[in-house]
Protein backbone atom coordinates (compact mmCIF):
# COMPACT_ATOMS: atom_id res chain seq x y z
CA MET A 1 0.00 0.00 0.00
CA ALA A 2 1.20 3.51 -0.78
CA GLU A 3 2.12 5.91 1.99
CA LEU A 4 -0.58 8.30 3.23
CA HIS A 5 1.35 11.37 2.07
CA GLU A 6 1.48 9.89 -1.45
CA ILE A 7 -2.30 9.40 -1.48
CA LEU A 8 -3.49 12.65 0.15
CA ILE A 9 -1.51 15.60 -1.13
CA ARG A 10 -3.54 18.60 0.06
CA PRO A 11 -7.11 19.79 0.62
CA ILE A 12 -8.57 22.11 -2.01
CA VAL A 13 -9.84 25.11 -0.01
CA THR A 14 -11.87 27.55 -2.10
CA GLU A 15 -15.14 29.37 -1.68
CA LYS A 16 -16.93 26.71 -3.73
CA THR A 17 -15.48 23.73 -1.84
CA MET A 18 -16.22 25.28 1.56
CA GLY A 19 -19.82 25.78 0.42
CA GLN A 20 -20.01 22.11 -0.52
CA ALA A 21 -18.58 21.16 2.85
CA GLU A 22 -21.30 23.11 4.67
CA THR A 23 -24.27 22.07 2.53
CA GLN A 24 -23.40 18.55 1.30
CA ASN A 25 -20.72 17.44 3.82
CA THR A 26 -18.36 16.90 0.85
CA TYR A 27 -14.66 17.81 0.96
CA VAL A 28 -12.24 18.11 -1.95
CA PHE A 29 -8.62 16.90 -1.97
CA GLU A 30 -5.75 16.76 -4.41
CA VAL A 31 -4.66 13.12 -4.42
CA GLY A 32 -1.89 11.07 -6.01
CA ALA A 33 -2.39 10.29 -9.69
CA THR A 34 -2.27 6.53 -9.07
CA ALA A 35 -4.50 6.52 -5.95
CA ASN A 36 -7.79 4.66 -6.28
CA LYS A 37 -11.06 5.23 -4.43
CA ILE A 38 -10.43 2.49 -1.86
CA GLN A 39 -7.00 3.89 -0.95
CA ILE A 40 -8.42 7.43 -0.71
CA ARG A 41 -11.23 6.23 1.59
CA GLN A 42 -8.80 4.37 3.86
CA ALA A 43 -6.39 7.34 4.00
CA ILE A 44 -9.14 9.85 4.93
CA GLU A 45 -10.52 7.54 7.61
CA ALA A 46 -7.04 6.92 9.05
CA VAL A 47 -5.83 10.54 9.06
CA PHE A 48 -9.00 12.37 10.15
CA ASN A 49 -10.76 9.58 12.11
CA VAL A 50 -14.11 10.00 10.31
CA GLN A 51 -16.49 7.72 8.39
CA VAL A 52 -16.45 8.16 4.58
CA GLU A 53 -19.71 7.55 2.72
CA ASP A 54 -18.65 8.10 -0.91
CA VAL A 55 -15.56 8.97 -2.97
CA ARG A 56 -15.67 10.44 -6.48
CA THR A 57 -12.50 11.13 -8.47
CA LEU A 58 -11.56 12.98 -11.63
CA ASN A 59 -8.37 13.66 -13.53
CA VAL A 60 -7.67 17.35 -14.13
CA ARG A 61 -5.73 18.08 -17.30
CA GLY A 62 -2.90 20.61 -17.02
CA LYS A 63 -3.31 23.85 -18.93
CA SER A 64 -0.97 25.03 -21.65
CA LYS A 65 0.58 28.29 -20.45
CA ARG A 66 2.90 30.87 -21.95
CA PHE A 67 5.92 32.21 -20.08
CA GLY A 68 7.18 35.18 -22.09
CA ARG A 69 8.03 33.81 -25.50
CA PHE A 70 8.14 30.20 -24.29
CA TYR A 71 5.24 27.78 -24.10
CA GLY A 72 4.88 25.25 -21.33
CA LYS A 73 2.31 22.95 -19.78
CA ARG A 74 1.17 22.57 -16.19
CA SER A 75 1.10 19.06 -14.77
CA ASN A 76 -1.96 16.83 -14.83
CA TRP A 77 -3.35 16.03 -11.38
CA LYS A 78 -6.16 14.09 -9.71
CA LYS A 79 -8.99 15.47 -7.59
CA ALA A 80 -11.18 13.54 -5.13
CA TYR A 81 -14.60 14.54 -3.78
CA VAL A 82 -15.06 12.84 -0.40
CA LYS A 83 -18.56 12.71 1.12
CA LEU A 84 -18.56 12.04 4.85
CA SER A 85 -21.20 10.16 6.79
CA GLU A 86 -23.86 12.02 8.74
CA GLY A 87 -22.40 13.67 11.82
CA SER A 88 -18.78 13.60 10.60
CA THR A 89 -16.97 16.84 9.77
CA LEU A 90 -13.45 18.06 8.99
CA ASP A 91 -12.43 21.37 10.56
CA PHE A 92 -9.66 23.00 8.54
CA PHE A 93 -10.03 26.48 10.02
CA GLU A 94 -11.77 25.88 13.32
CA ALA A 95 -9.85 27.13 16.35
C-alpha cells in the first residue's frame, strides 16, 4: 500500500469547496495520480478519524501556459470529492 502522504496531497480550499462542505458534507482533496477510491477512503478515515460515505474522483488536465516567448504545460493532477457520513466533519479552520 502507498504511503498516506502519497495518497493525500492537500485539501482544495476555495469558496466553492467550503460551500459544498457546509451544505453537502463533501470535501475536496488533491490526491496522487495513481491513488484509487479504496486507498483514498482508507487514507481519509485513518488521518482524520471520520467515516467516509462516498468517494468520487476525476483527472484534471494541465493547462498550456505561456511564459514570455516560451510555451509550457502545467502538470496533470487528480482530484477527489469525499462525502462524509452524517455527523462527521473536517475542521480545517476551526480554532
